Amino acid sequence: MVKVMADGPLKIQQLRYVVAAAESGGFKAAADRLHRTQPAISLGIKELESRFGQPLFEKQGQGRLTPFGMQCLPRFRELLAQHDRLSRELDDMANQRIGRVELATVPSVAQRYMPAVLNKFLQTHPDVELSLHDGPAELVAEMVQTGSVDFGVGALWAVTPELTYEPLLEDDIGVVCHQSHRFADAQSLVWRDLAGQSMISNGTSRLLLGTPAEGLLSESRLYISDMISILAMLQTGTTYTTLPRLAFEEWDTALRFIPLTEPLITRSVGLITRPNVTLSPVAAHALHLVREQLAVV
């Protein structure tokens, strides 16, 4: 007579009953070990036997497995081990004990504010991996939009339905030049002072668009996207550029940042995320730390 197995998923608790009874030598010992009643252990194992259509334990001697039960035991142990490992991992993830965070920022934020954020995060999450990518604002936005990173910090040049932007701070735009440049002694500058002078345009120069200083862009014959190359060119003392204050390398005493007061131009810096996408618990905490750090600026 062929016995037909019942449909339905295996119940982890019933597999645990079988393993405990086999290892402890009986249903009563299994009940004590698992802090259950003996009838509960017996009923759970009986339901499992009914599902398989095969007995797992010999009728005489509750702790003695049948040949079928001996075949099942190592498989039950393997399934329970995988289940328990997965449960621990999910619990650790939910409670921010393990995981991975990927974030992208513009270089100015990476240099000035992220070290404090990273140190605080690593202290509270010693087993969580964190990757920081820095690059121009366009790259930061692209990495967030494609899901390459959990969130980004930077400027969002254009409003788009694929991204959500939360402004956190305003960053003044000024003129950066070498101490030997003719602008170096100025306390502030207006756009008319800059007319006719050699200017390096860069990725943030688009902030001049739509302002009285927009004409400076058409006068610029040199565009450099890389900050290291911009700084190297400024060291020659022959030219200047416009940069957000946060992007100015304060440690470089050979250069000066001079506020541009007319027009007064600012760059907004904030958090960039994907709408309707829930961050993992550890990524959400990293975002909270960034928001907290930039809020005190």
C-alpha atoms as a PDB file:
ATOM      1  CA  MET A   1       0.000   0.000   0.000  1.00  0.00           C
ATOM      2  CA  VAL A   2       1.448   3.383  -1.038  1.00  0.00           C
ATOM      3  CA  LYS A   3       1.187   6.088   1.590  1.00  0.00           C
ATOM      4  CA  VAL A   4       0.594   9.574   0.265  1.00  0.00           C
ATOM      5  CA  MET A   5       2.303  12.495   1.910  1.00  0.00           C
ATOM      6  CA  ALA A   6       0.127  15.411   2.979  1.00  0.00           C
ATOM      7  CA  ASP A   7       0.629  18.770   1.346  1.00  0.00           C
ATOM      8  CA  GLY A   8       1.837  21.823   3.212  1.00  0.00           C
ATOM      9  CA  PRO A   9       5.128  23.244   4.469  1.00  0.00           C
ATOM     10  CA  LEU A  10       7.234  21.616   7.112  1.00  0.00           C
ATOM     11  CA  LYS A  11       6.861  23.123  10.549  1.00  0.00           C
ATOM     12  CA  ILE A  12      10.214  23.994  12.071  1.00  0.00           C
ATOM     13  CA  GLN A  13       8.993  23.391  15.603  1.00  0.00           C
ATOM     14  CA  GLN A  14       7.971  19.816  14.771  1.00  0.00           C
ATOM     15  CA  LEU A  15      11.415  19.104  13.299  1.00  0.00           C
ATOM     16  CA  ARG A  16      12.904  20.464  16.497  1.00  0.00           C
ATOM     17  CA  TYR A  17      10.758  18.041  18.509  1.00  0.00           C
ATOM     18  CA  VAL A  18      12.090  15.079  16.507  1.00  0.00           C
ATOM     19  CA  VAL A  19      15.733  16.098  16.901  1.00  0.00           C
ATOM     20  CA  ALA A  20      15.313  16.754  20.634  1.00  0.00           C
ATOM     21  CA  ALA A  21      13.555  13.407  21.212  1.00  0.00           C
ATOM     22  CA  ALA A  22      16.228  11.516  19.256  1.00  0.00           C
ATOM     23  CA  GLU A  23      19.102  13.256  21.028  1.00  0.00           C
ATOM     24  CA  SER A  24      17.560  13.230  24.510  1.00  0.00           C
ATOM     25  CA  GLY A  25      16.315   9.642  24.445  1.00  0.00           C
ATOM     26  CA  GLY A  26      12.570  10.136  24.584  1.00  0.00           C
ATOM     27  CA  PHE A  27       9.573  12.457  24.443  1.00  0.00           C
ATOM     28  CA  LYS A  28       9.670  13.339  28.136  1.00  0.00           C
ATOM     29  CA  ALA A  29      13.339  14.313  27.994  1.00  0.00           C
ATOM     30  CA  ALA A  30      12.631  16.346  24.845  1.00  0.00           C
ATOM     31  CA  ALA A  31       9.789  18.131  26.629  1.00  0.00           C
ATOM     32  CA  ASP A  32      12.104  19.061  29.499  1.00  0.00           C
ATOM     33  CA  ARG A  33      14.800  20.229  27.103  1.00  0.00           C
ATOM     34  CA  LEU A  34      12.463  22.387  25.022  1.00  0.00           C
ATOM     35  CA  HIS A  35      10.319  23.550  27.950  1.00  0.00           C
ATOM     36  CA  ARG A  36       7.183  22.056  26.435  1.00  0.00           C
ATOM     37  CA  THR A  37       4.675  19.542  27.727  1.00  0.00           C
ATOM     38  CA  GLN A  38       5.098  15.910  26.765  1.00  0.00           C
ATOM     39  CA  PRO A  39       1.635  15.789  25.070  1.00  0.00           C
ATOM     40  CA  ALA A  40       2.685  18.772  22.918  1.00  0.00           C
ATOM     41  CA  ILE A  41       5.840  16.929  21.832  1.00  0.00           C
ATOM     42  CA  SER A  42       3.888  13.746  21.100  1.00  0.00           C
ATOM     43  CA  LEU A  43       1.207  15.569  19.122  1.00  0.00           C
ATOM     44  CA  GLY A  44       3.756  17.523  17.054  1.00  0.00           C
ATOM     45  CA  ILE A  45       5.676  14.393  16.116  1.00  0.00           C
ATOM     46  CA  LYS A  46       2.476  12.503  15.342  1.00  0.00           C
ATOM     47  CA  GLU A  47       1.348  15.285  12.980  1.00  0.00           C
ATOM     48  CA  LEU A  48       4.714  15.156  11.241  1.00  0.00           C
ATOM     49  CA  GLU A  49       4.480  11.381  10.877  1.00  0.00           C
ATOM     50  CA  SER A  50       0.989  11.788   9.394  1.00  0.00           C
ATOM     51  CA  ARG A  51       2.332  14.313   6.921  1.00  0.00           C
ATOM     52  CA  PHE A  52       5.040  11.905   5.726  1.00  0.00           C
ATOM     53  CA  GLY A  53       2.871   8.832   5.970  1.00  0.00           C
ATOM     54  CA  GLN A  54       5.777   7.136   7.749  1.00  0.00           C
ATOM     55  CA  PRO A  55       6.629   6.615  11.434  1.00  0.00           C
ATOM     56  CA  LEU A  56       9.718   8.434  12.700  1.00  0.00           C
ATOM     57  CA  PHE A  57      10.004   6.594  16.025  1.00  0.00           C
ATOM     58  CA  GLU A  58       9.516   2.947  16.942  1.00  0.00           C
ATOM     59  CA  LYS A  59       6.341   2.316  18.897  1.00  0.00           C
ATOM     60  CA  GLN A  60       8.300   0.495  21.569  1.00  0.00           C
ATOM     61  CA  GLY A  61      10.847   3.011  22.826  1.00  0.00           C
ATOM     62  CA  GLN A  62       9.943   6.613  22.111  1.00  0.00           C
ATOM     63  CA  GLY A  63      13.500   7.732  21.605  1.00  0.00           C
ATOM     64  CA  ARG A  64      14.443   5.038  19.089  1.00  0.00           C
ATOM     65  CA  LEU A  65      14.191   6.130  15.470  1.00  0.00           C
ATOM     66  CA  THR A  66      12.814   3.988  12.666  1.00  0.00           C
ATOM     67  CA  PRO A  67      15.002   3.515   9.558  1.00  0.00           C
ATOM     68  CA  PHE A  68      13.015   6.341   7.938  1.00  0.00           C
ATOM     69  CA  GLY A  69      13.550   8.487  11.017  1.00  0.00           C
ATOM     70  CA  MET A  70      17.315   7.841  10.908  1.00  0.00           C
ATOM     71  CA  GLN A  71      17.345   9.006   7.282  1.00  0.00           C
ATOM     72  CA  CYS A  72      15.430  12.148   8.229  1.00  0.00           C
ATOM     73  CA  LEU A  73      17.447  13.096  11.325  1.00  0.00           C
ATOM     74  CA  PRO A  74      20.563  14.582   9.617  1.00  0.00           C
ATOM     75  CA  ARG A  75      18.353  16.440   7.152  1.00  0.00           C
ATOM     76  CA  PHE A  76      16.238  17.853   9.967  1.00  0.00           C
ATOM     77  CA  ARG A  77      19.403  18.971  11.743  1.00  0.00           C
ATOM     78  CA  GLU A  78      20.680  20.649   8.584  1.00  0.00           C
ATOM     79  CA  LEU A  79      17.389  22.475   8.013  1.00  0.00           C
ATOM     80  CA  LEU A  80      17.211  23.605  11.637  1.00  0.00           C
ATOM     81  CA  ALA A  81      20.802  24.866  11.522  1.00  0.00           C
ATOM     82  CA  GLN A  82      20.060  26.888   8.379  1.00  0.00           C
ATOM     83  CA  HIS A  83      16.825  28.221   9.862  1.00  0.00           C
ATOM     84  CA  ASP A  84      18.479  29.242  13.135  1.00  0.00           C
ATOM     85  CA  ARG A  85      21.422  30.866  11.337  1.00  0.00           C
ATOM     86  CA  LEU A  86      19.078  32.835   9.085  1.00  0.00           C
ATOM     87  CA  SER A  87      16.961  33.878  12.082  1.00  0.00           C
ATOM     88  CA  ARG A  88      20.054  35.167  13.876  1.00  0.00           C
ATOM     89  CA  GLU A  89      21.227  37.056  10.795  1.00  0.00           C
ATOM     90  CA  LEU A  90      17.828  38.667  10.239  1.00  0.00           C
ATOM     91  CA  ASP A  91      17.642  39.619  13.884  1.00  0.00           C
ATOM     92  CA  ASP A  92      21.142  41.101  13.710  1.00  0.00           C
ATOM     93  CA  MET A  93      20.186  43.053  10.586  1.00  0.00           C
ATOM     94  CA  ALA A  94      16.973  44.347  12.147  1.00  0.00           C
ATOM     95  CA  ASN A  95      18.885  45.435  15.236  1.00  0.00           C
ATOM     96  CA  GLN A  96      21.720  47.039  13.209  1.00  0.00           C
ATOM     97  CA  ARG A  97      24.372  44.553  14.331  1.00  0.00           C
ATOM     98  CA  ILE A  98      25.357  43.400  10.835  1.00  0.00           C
ATOM     99  CA  GLY A  99      24.875  44.620   7.286  1.00  0.00           C
ATOM    100  CA  ARG A 100      26.439  46.882   4.710  1.00  0.00           C
ATOM    101  CA  VAL A 101      25.973  50.554   3.895  1.00  0.00           C
ATOM    102  CA  GLU A 102      26.925  52.211   0.603  1.00  0.00           C
ATOM    103  CA  LEU A 103      26.837  56.003   0.376  1.00  0.00           C
ATOM    104  CA  ALA A 104      28.136  58.664  -1.985  1.00  0.00           C
ATOM    105  CA  THR A 105      29.038  62.287  -1.296  1.00  0.00           C
ATOM    106  CA  VAL A 106      30.576  65.235  -3.058  1.00  0.00           C
ATOM    107  CA  PRO A 107      34.287  65.595  -2.124  1.00  0.00           C
ATOM    108  CA  SER A 108      33.790  68.713   0.013  1.00  0.00           C
ATOM    109  CA  VAL A 109      31.361  66.881   2.303  1.00  0.00           C
ATOM    110  CA  ALA A 110      33.516  63.745   2.305  1.00  0.00           C
ATOM    111  CA  GLN A 111      36.547  65.691   3.512  1.00  0.00           C
ATOM    112  CA  ARG A 112      34.944  68.005   6.054  1.00  0.00           C
ATOM    113  CA  TYR A 113      32.075  66.107   7.626  1.00  0.00           C
ATOM    114  CA  MET A 114      32.242  62.411   6.851  1.00  0.00           C
ATOM    115  CA  PRO A 115      35.211  61.513   9.107  1.00  0.00           C
ATOM    116  CA  ALA A 116      33.144  62.402  12.195  1.00  0.00           C
ATOM    117  CA  VAL A 117      30.141  60.494  10.820  1.00  0.00           C
ATOM    118  CA  LEU A 118      32.197  57.419   9.917  1.00  0.00           C
ATOM    119  CA  ASN A 119      33.940  57.278  13.299  1.00  0.00           C
ATOM    120  CA  LYS A 120      30.653  57.529  15.178  1.00  0.00           C
ATOM    121  CA  PHE A 121      29.032  54.895  12.943  1.00  0.00           C
ATOM    122  CA  LEU A 122      31.904  52.416  13.276  1.00  0.00           C
ATOM    123  CA  GLN A 123      31.921  52.792  17.051  1.00  0.00           C
ATOM    124  CA  THR A 124      28.247  51.889  17.322  1.00  0.00           C
ATOM    125  CA  HIS A 125      28.244  49.283  14.513  1.00  0.00           C
ATOM    126  CA  PRO A 126      31.558  47.388  14.767  1.00  0.00           C
ATOM    127  CA  ASP A 127      30.392  44.517  12.542  1.00  0.00           C
ATOM    128  CA  VAL A 128      28.751  46.566   9.791  1.00  0.00           C
ATOM    129  CA  GLU A 129      30.640  47.253   6.559  1.00  0.00           C
ATOM    130  CA  LEU A 130      30.498  50.787   5.174  1.00  0.00           C
ATOM    131  CA  SER A 131      31.666  52.065   1.788  1.00  0.00           C
ATOM    132  CA  LEU A 132      32.020  55.773   1.023  1.00  0.00           C
ATOM    133  CA  HIS A 133      32.224  56.925  -2.610  1.00  0.00           C
ATOM    134  CA  ASP A 134      33.044  60.533  -3.404  1.00  0.00           C
ATOM    135  CA  GLY A 135      32.634  62.281  -6.710  1.00  0.00           C
ATOM    136  CA  PRO A 136      30.952  65.213  -8.466  1.00  0.00           C
ATOM    137  CA  ALA A 137      27.308  65.979  -7.808  1.00  0.00           C
ATOM    138  CA  GLU A 138      26.199  64.361 -11.077  1.00  0.00           C
ATOM    139  CA  LEU A 139      27.870  61.081 -10.141  1.00  0.00           C
ATOM    140  CA  VAL A 140      26.387  61.121  -6.643  1.00  0.00           C
ATOM    141  CA  ALA A 141      22.880  61.597  -8.032  1.00  0.00           C
ATOM    142  CA  GLU A 142      23.418  58.887 -10.661  1.00  0.00           C
ATOM    143  CA  MET A 143      24.641  56.367  -8.077  1.00  0.00           C
ATOM    144  CA  VAL A 144      21.583  56.992  -5.918  1.00  0.00           C
ATOM    145  CA  GLN A 145      19.199  56.772  -8.880  1.00  0.00           C
ATOM    146  CA  THR A 146      20.664  53.471 -10.103  1.00  0.00           C
ATOM    147  CA  GLY A 147      20.675  51.977  -6.607  1.00  0.00           C
ATOM    148  CA  SER A 148      24.465  51.662  -6.516  1.00  0.00           C
ATOM    149  CA  VAL A 149      24.396  53.386  -3.121  1.00  0.00           C
ATOM    150  CA  ASP A 150      21.801  53.617  -0.374  1.00  0.00           C
ATOM    151  CA  PHE A 151      21.800  57.407  -0.338  1.00  0.00           C
ATOM    152  CA  GLY A 152      23.896  60.390  -1.331  1.00  0.00           C
ATOM    153  CA  VAL A 153      24.962  63.761   0.001  1.00  0.00           C
ATOM    154  CA  GLY A 154      25.463  66.635  -2.396  1.00  0.00           C
ATOM    155  CA  ALA A 155      23.780  69.143  -4.654  1.00  0.00           C
ATOM    156  CA  LEU A 156      20.912  68.151  -6.908  1.00  0.00           C
ATOM    157  CA  TRP A 157      21.098  70.236 -10.063  1.00  0.00           C
ATOM    158  CA  ALA A 158      17.682  69.330 -11.425  1.00  0.00           C
ATOM    159  CA  VAL A 159      14.424  68.194  -9.829  1.00  0.00           C
ATOM    160  CA  THR A 160      13.550  64.673 -10.947  1.00  0.00           C
ATOM    161  CA  PRO A 161      10.803  62.216  -9.921  1.00  0.00           C
ATOM    162  CA  GLU A 162      13.429  59.492  -9.563  1.00  0.00           C
ATOM    163  CA  LEU A 163      15.110  61.256  -6.637  1.00  0.00           C
ATOM    164  CA  THR A 164      14.108  62.888  -3.374  1.00  0.00           C
ATOM    165  CA  TYR A 165      16.128  65.819  -2.078  1.00  0.00           C
ATOM    166  CA  GLU A 166      16.309  67.116   1.493  1.00  0.00           C
ATOM    167  CA  PRO A 167      18.363  70.323   1.756  1.00  0.00           C
ATOM    168  CA  LEU A 168      20.544  70.553   4.857  1.00  0.00           C
ATOM    169  CA  LEU A 169      22.831  73.551   4.424  1.00  0.00           C
ATOM    170  CA  GLU A 170      23.651  76.498   2.167  1.00  0.00           C
ATOM    171  CA  ASP A 171      27.197  76.905   0.880  1.00  0.00           C
ATOM    172  CA  ASP A 172      28.399  80.328  -0.319  1.00  0.00           C
ATOM    173  CA  ILE A 173      30.147  80.637  -3.671  1.00  0.00           C
ATOM    174  CA  GLY A 174      33.366  82.639  -3.761  1.00  0.00           C
ATOM    175  CA  VAL A 175      36.505  83.273  -5.766  1.00  0.00           C
ATOM    176  CA  VAL A 176      39.556  81.080  -5.151  1.00  0.00           C
ATOM    177  CA  CYS A 177      42.964  82.270  -6.283  1.00  0.00           C
ATOM    178  CA  HIS A 178      46.661  82.100  -5.382  1.00  0.00           C
ATOM    179  CA  GLN A 179      48.159  84.562  -2.910  1.00  0.00           C
ATOM    180  CA  SER A 180      50.097  86.108  -5.793  1.00  0.00           C
ATOM    181  CA  HIS A 181      46.968  86.787  -7.878  1.00  0.00           C
ATOM    182  CA  ARG A 182      45.741  90.365  -8.242  1.00  0.00           C
ATOM    183  CA  PHE A 183      42.534  89.464  -6.359  1.00  0.00           C
ATOM    184  CA  ALA A 184      44.360  88.052  -3.337  1.00  0.00           C
ATOM    185  CA  ASP A 185      44.184  91.186  -1.154  1.00  0.00           C
ATOM    186  CA  ALA A 186      40.458  91.757  -1.693  1.00  0.00           C
ATOM    187  CA  GLN A 187      38.074  91.195   1.226  1.00  0.00           C
ATOM    188  CA  SER A 188      35.165  90.623  -1.141  1.00  0.00           C
ATOM    189  CA  LEU A 189      34.492  90.800  -4.880  1.00  0.00           C
ATOM    190  CA  VAL A 190      31.637  91.581  -7.217  1.00  0.00           C
ATOM    191  CA  TRP A 191      31.178  90.081 -10.652  1.00  0.00           C
ATOM    192  CA  ARG A 192      32.330  93.282 -12.384  1.00  0.00           C
ATOM    193  CA  ASP A 193      35.726  92.869 -10.711  1.00  0.00           C
ATOM    194  CA  LEU A 194      36.074  89.502 -12.443  1.00  0.00           C
ATOM    195  CA  ALA A 195      35.183  90.618 -15.971  1.00  0.00           C
ATOM    196  CA  GLY A 196      38.017  90.223 -18.459  1.00  0.00           C
ATOM    197  CA  GLN A 197      40.121  88.066 -16.107  1.00  0.00           C
ATOM    198  CA  SER A 198      41.271  84.522 -16.880  1.00  0.00           C
ATOM    199  CA  MET A 199      38.884  82.117 -15.149  1.00  0.00           C
ATOM    200  CA  ILE A 200      38.820  78.329 -14.728  1.00  0.00           C
ATOM    201  CA  SER A 201      35.263  77.047 -15.034  1.00  0.00           C
ATOM    202  CA  ASN A 202      34.381  73.792 -13.296  1.00  0.00           C
ATOM    203  CA  GLY A 203      31.445  71.579 -12.440  1.00  0.00           C
ATOM    204  CA  THR A 204      30.026  74.062  -9.941  1.00  0.00           C
ATOM    205  CA  SER A 205      30.281  76.999 -12.336  1.00  0.00           C
ATOM    206  CA  ARG A 206      26.740  76.288 -13.504  1.00  0.00           C
ATOM    207  CA  LEU A 207      25.666  78.048 -10.316  1.00  0.00           C
ATOM    208  CA  LEU A 208      26.504  81.320 -12.107  1.00  0.00           C
ATOM    209  CA  LEU A 209      23.815  80.646 -14.709  1.00  0.00           C
ATOM    210  CA  GLY A 210      20.835  82.928 -14.389  1.00  0.00           C
ATOM    211  CA  THR A 211      22.787  85.468 -12.309  1.00  0.00           C
ATOM    212  CA  PRO A 212      24.478  88.753 -13.275  1.00  0.00           C
ATOM    213  CA  ALA A 213      27.778  86.832 -13.258  1.00  0.00           C
ATOM    214  CA  GLU A 214      26.641  84.457 -16.034  1.00  0.00           C
ATOM    215  CA  GLY A 215      28.716  86.338 -18.611  1.00  0.00           C
ATOM    216  CA  LEU A 216      31.908  85.168 -16.900  1.00  0.00           C
ATOM    217  CA  LEU A 217      31.258  81.661 -18.225  1.00  0.00           C
ATOM    218  CA  SER A 218      31.411  82.803 -21.833  1.00  0.00           C
ATOM    219  CA  GLU A 219      34.719  84.513 -21.099  1.00  0.00           C
ATOM    220  CA  SER A 220      36.268  81.356 -19.647  1.00  0.00           C
ATOM    221  CA  ARG A 221      38.498  79.489 -22.089  1.00  0.00           C
ATOM    222  CA  LEU A 222      39.545  76.775 -19.625  1.00  0.00           C
ATOM    223  CA  TYR A 223      37.326  74.085 -18.085  1.00  0.00           C
ATOM    224  CA  ILE A 224      38.738  71.620 -15.538  1.00  0.00           C
ATOM    225  CA  SER A 225      36.568  69.044 -13.789  1.00  0.00           C
ATOM    226  CA  ASP A 226      39.123  67.494 -11.414  1.00  0.00           C
ATOM    227  CA  MET A 227      39.798  69.397  -8.190  1.00  0.00           C
ATOM    228  CA  ILE A 228      43.454  68.349  -8.000  1.00  0.00           C
ATOM    229  CA  SER A 229      44.057  69.731 -11.484  1.00  0.00           C
ATOM    230  CA  ILE A 230      42.196  72.945 -10.625  1.00  0.00           C
ATOM    231  CA  LEU A 231      44.376  73.484  -7.555  1.00  0.00           C
ATOM    232  CA  ALA A 232      47.531  72.810  -9.551  1.00  0.00           C
ATOM    233  CA  MET A 233      46.527  75.435 -12.107  1.00  0.00           C
ATOM    234  CA  LEU A 234      45.675  77.966  -9.402  1.00  0.00           C
ATOM    235  CA  GLN A 235      49.166  77.535  -7.964  1.00  0.00           C
ATOM    236  CA  THR A 236      50.541  79.278 -11.063  1.00  0.00           C
ATOM    237  CA  GLY A 237      48.885  82.519  -9.958  1.00  0.00           C
ATOM    238  CA  THR A 238      47.675  83.318 -13.460  1.00  0.00           C
ATOM    239  CA  THR A 239      44.011  82.491 -13.093  1.00  0.00           C
ATOM    240  CA  TYR A 240      41.134  82.038 -10.621  1.00  0.00           C
ATOM    241  CA  THR A 241      38.035  79.925 -10.237  1.00  0.00           C
ATOM    242  CA  THR A 242      34.729  80.044  -8.403  1.00  0.00           C
ATOM    243  CA  LEU A 243      34.021  77.364  -5.816  1.00  0.00           C
ATOM    244  CA  PRO A 244      31.636  76.670  -2.950  1.00  0.00           C
ATOM    245  CA  ARG A 245      33.264  77.557   0.366  1.00  0.00           C
ATOM    246  CA  LEU A 246      33.152  73.914   1.488  1.00  0.00           C
ATOM    247  CA  ALA A 247      35.156  72.892  -1.573  1.00  0.00           C
ATOM    248  CA  PHE A 248      37.951  75.313  -0.719  1.00  0.00           C
ATOM    249  CA  GLU A 249      41.038  73.580   0.659  1.00  0.00           C
ATOM    250  CA  GLU A 250      41.632  75.598   3.824  1.00  0.00           C
ATOM    251  CA  TRP A 251      44.855  73.738   4.558  1.00  0.00           C
ATOM    252  CA  ASP A 252      46.416  75.145   1.381  1.00  0.00           C
ATOM    253  CA  THR A 253      47.768  78.454   2.737  1.00  0.00           C
ATOM    254  CA  ALA A 254      48.942  79.486  -0.745  1.00  0.00           C
ATOM    255  CA  LEU A 255      45.329  79.934  -1.834  1.00  0.00           C
ATOM    256  CA  ARG A 256      42.647  82.362  -0.735  1.00  0.00           C
ATOM    257  CA  PHE A 257      38.845  82.160  -0.681  1.00  0.00           C
ATOM    258  CA  ILE A 258      37.265  85.568  -1.332  1.00  0.00           C
ATOM    259  CA  PRO A 259      33.496  85.968  -0.901  1.00  0.00           C
ATOM    260  CA  LEU A 260      31.557  86.917  -4.010  1.00  0.00           C
ATOM    261  CA  THR A 261      29.020  89.409  -2.697  1.00  0.00           C
ATOM    262  CA  GLU A 262      27.391  90.607  -5.890  1.00  0.00           C
ATOM    263  CA  PRO A 263      25.658  88.485  -6.844  1.00  0.00           C
ATOM    264  CA  LEU A 264      25.416  86.466  -3.622  1.00  0.00           C
ATOM    265  CA  ILE A 265      25.261  82.865  -4.834  1.00  0.00           C
ATOM    266  CA  THR A 266      24.795  79.794  -2.687  1.00  0.00           C
ATOM    267  CA  ARG A 267      24.866  76.073  -3.311  1.00  0.00           C
ATOM    268  CA  SER A 268      22.378  73.853  -1.490  1.00  0.00           C
ATOM    269  CA  VAL A 269      23.789  70.635  -0.042  1.00  0.00           C
ATOM    270  CA  GLY A 270      21.483  67.895   1.163  1.00  0.00           C
ATOM    271  CA  LEU A 271      20.462  64.255   1.300  1.00  0.00           C
ATOM    272  CA  ILE A 272      19.571  62.464  -1.929  1.00  0.00           C
ATOM    273  CA  THR A 273      17.446  59.314  -1.750  1.00  0.00           C
ATOM    274  CA  ARG A 274      15.121  57.301  -3.945  1.00  0.00           C
ATOM    275  CA  PRO A 275      11.402  57.879  -3.311  1.00  0.00           C
ATOM    276  CA  ASN A 276       9.341  54.962  -2.029  1.00  0.00           C
ATOM    277  CA  VAL A 277      12.483  52.935  -1.233  1.00  0.00           C
ATOM    278  CA  THR A 278      12.936  51.922   2.399  1.00  0.00           C
ATOM    279  CA  LEU A 279      16.498  51.956   3.644  1.00  0.00           C
ATOM    280  CA  SER A 280      17.887  49.060   5.650  1.00  0.00           C
ATOM    281  CA  PRO A 281      18.067  49.747   9.407  1.00  0.00           C
ATOM    282  CA  VAL A 282      21.834  50.333   9.308  1.00  0.00           C
ATOM    283  CA  ALA A 283      21.616  52.589   6.242  1.00  0.00           C
ATOM    284  CA  ALA A 284      18.812  54.557   7.883  1.00  0.00           C
ATOM    285  CA  HIS A 285      20.992  55.092  10.934  1.00  0.00           C
ATOM    286  CA  ALA A 286      23.926  56.209   8.787  1.00  0.00           C
ATOM    287  CA  LEU A 287      21.628  58.722   7.074  1.00  0.00           C
ATOM    288  CA  HIS A 288      20.489  59.947  10.506  1.00  0.00           C
ATOM    289  CA  LEU A 289      24.106  60.526  11.536  1.00  0.00           C
ATOM    290  CA  VAL A 290      24.803  62.505   8.349  1.00  0.00           C
ATOM    291  CA  ARG A 291      21.687  64.618   8.886  1.00  0.00           C
ATOM    292  CA  GLU A 292      22.696  65.187  12.508  1.00  0.00           C
ATOM    293  CA  GLN A 293      26.260  66.191  11.559  1.00  0.00           C
ATOM    294  CA  LEU A 294      25.308  68.622   8.808  1.00  0.00           C
ATOM    295  CA  ALA A 295      22.506  70.147  10.868  1.00  0.00           C
ATOM    296  CA  VAL A 296      25.013  71.626  13.321  1.00  0.00           C
ATOM    297  CA  VAL A 297      27.027  73.364  10.591  1.00  0.00           C
END
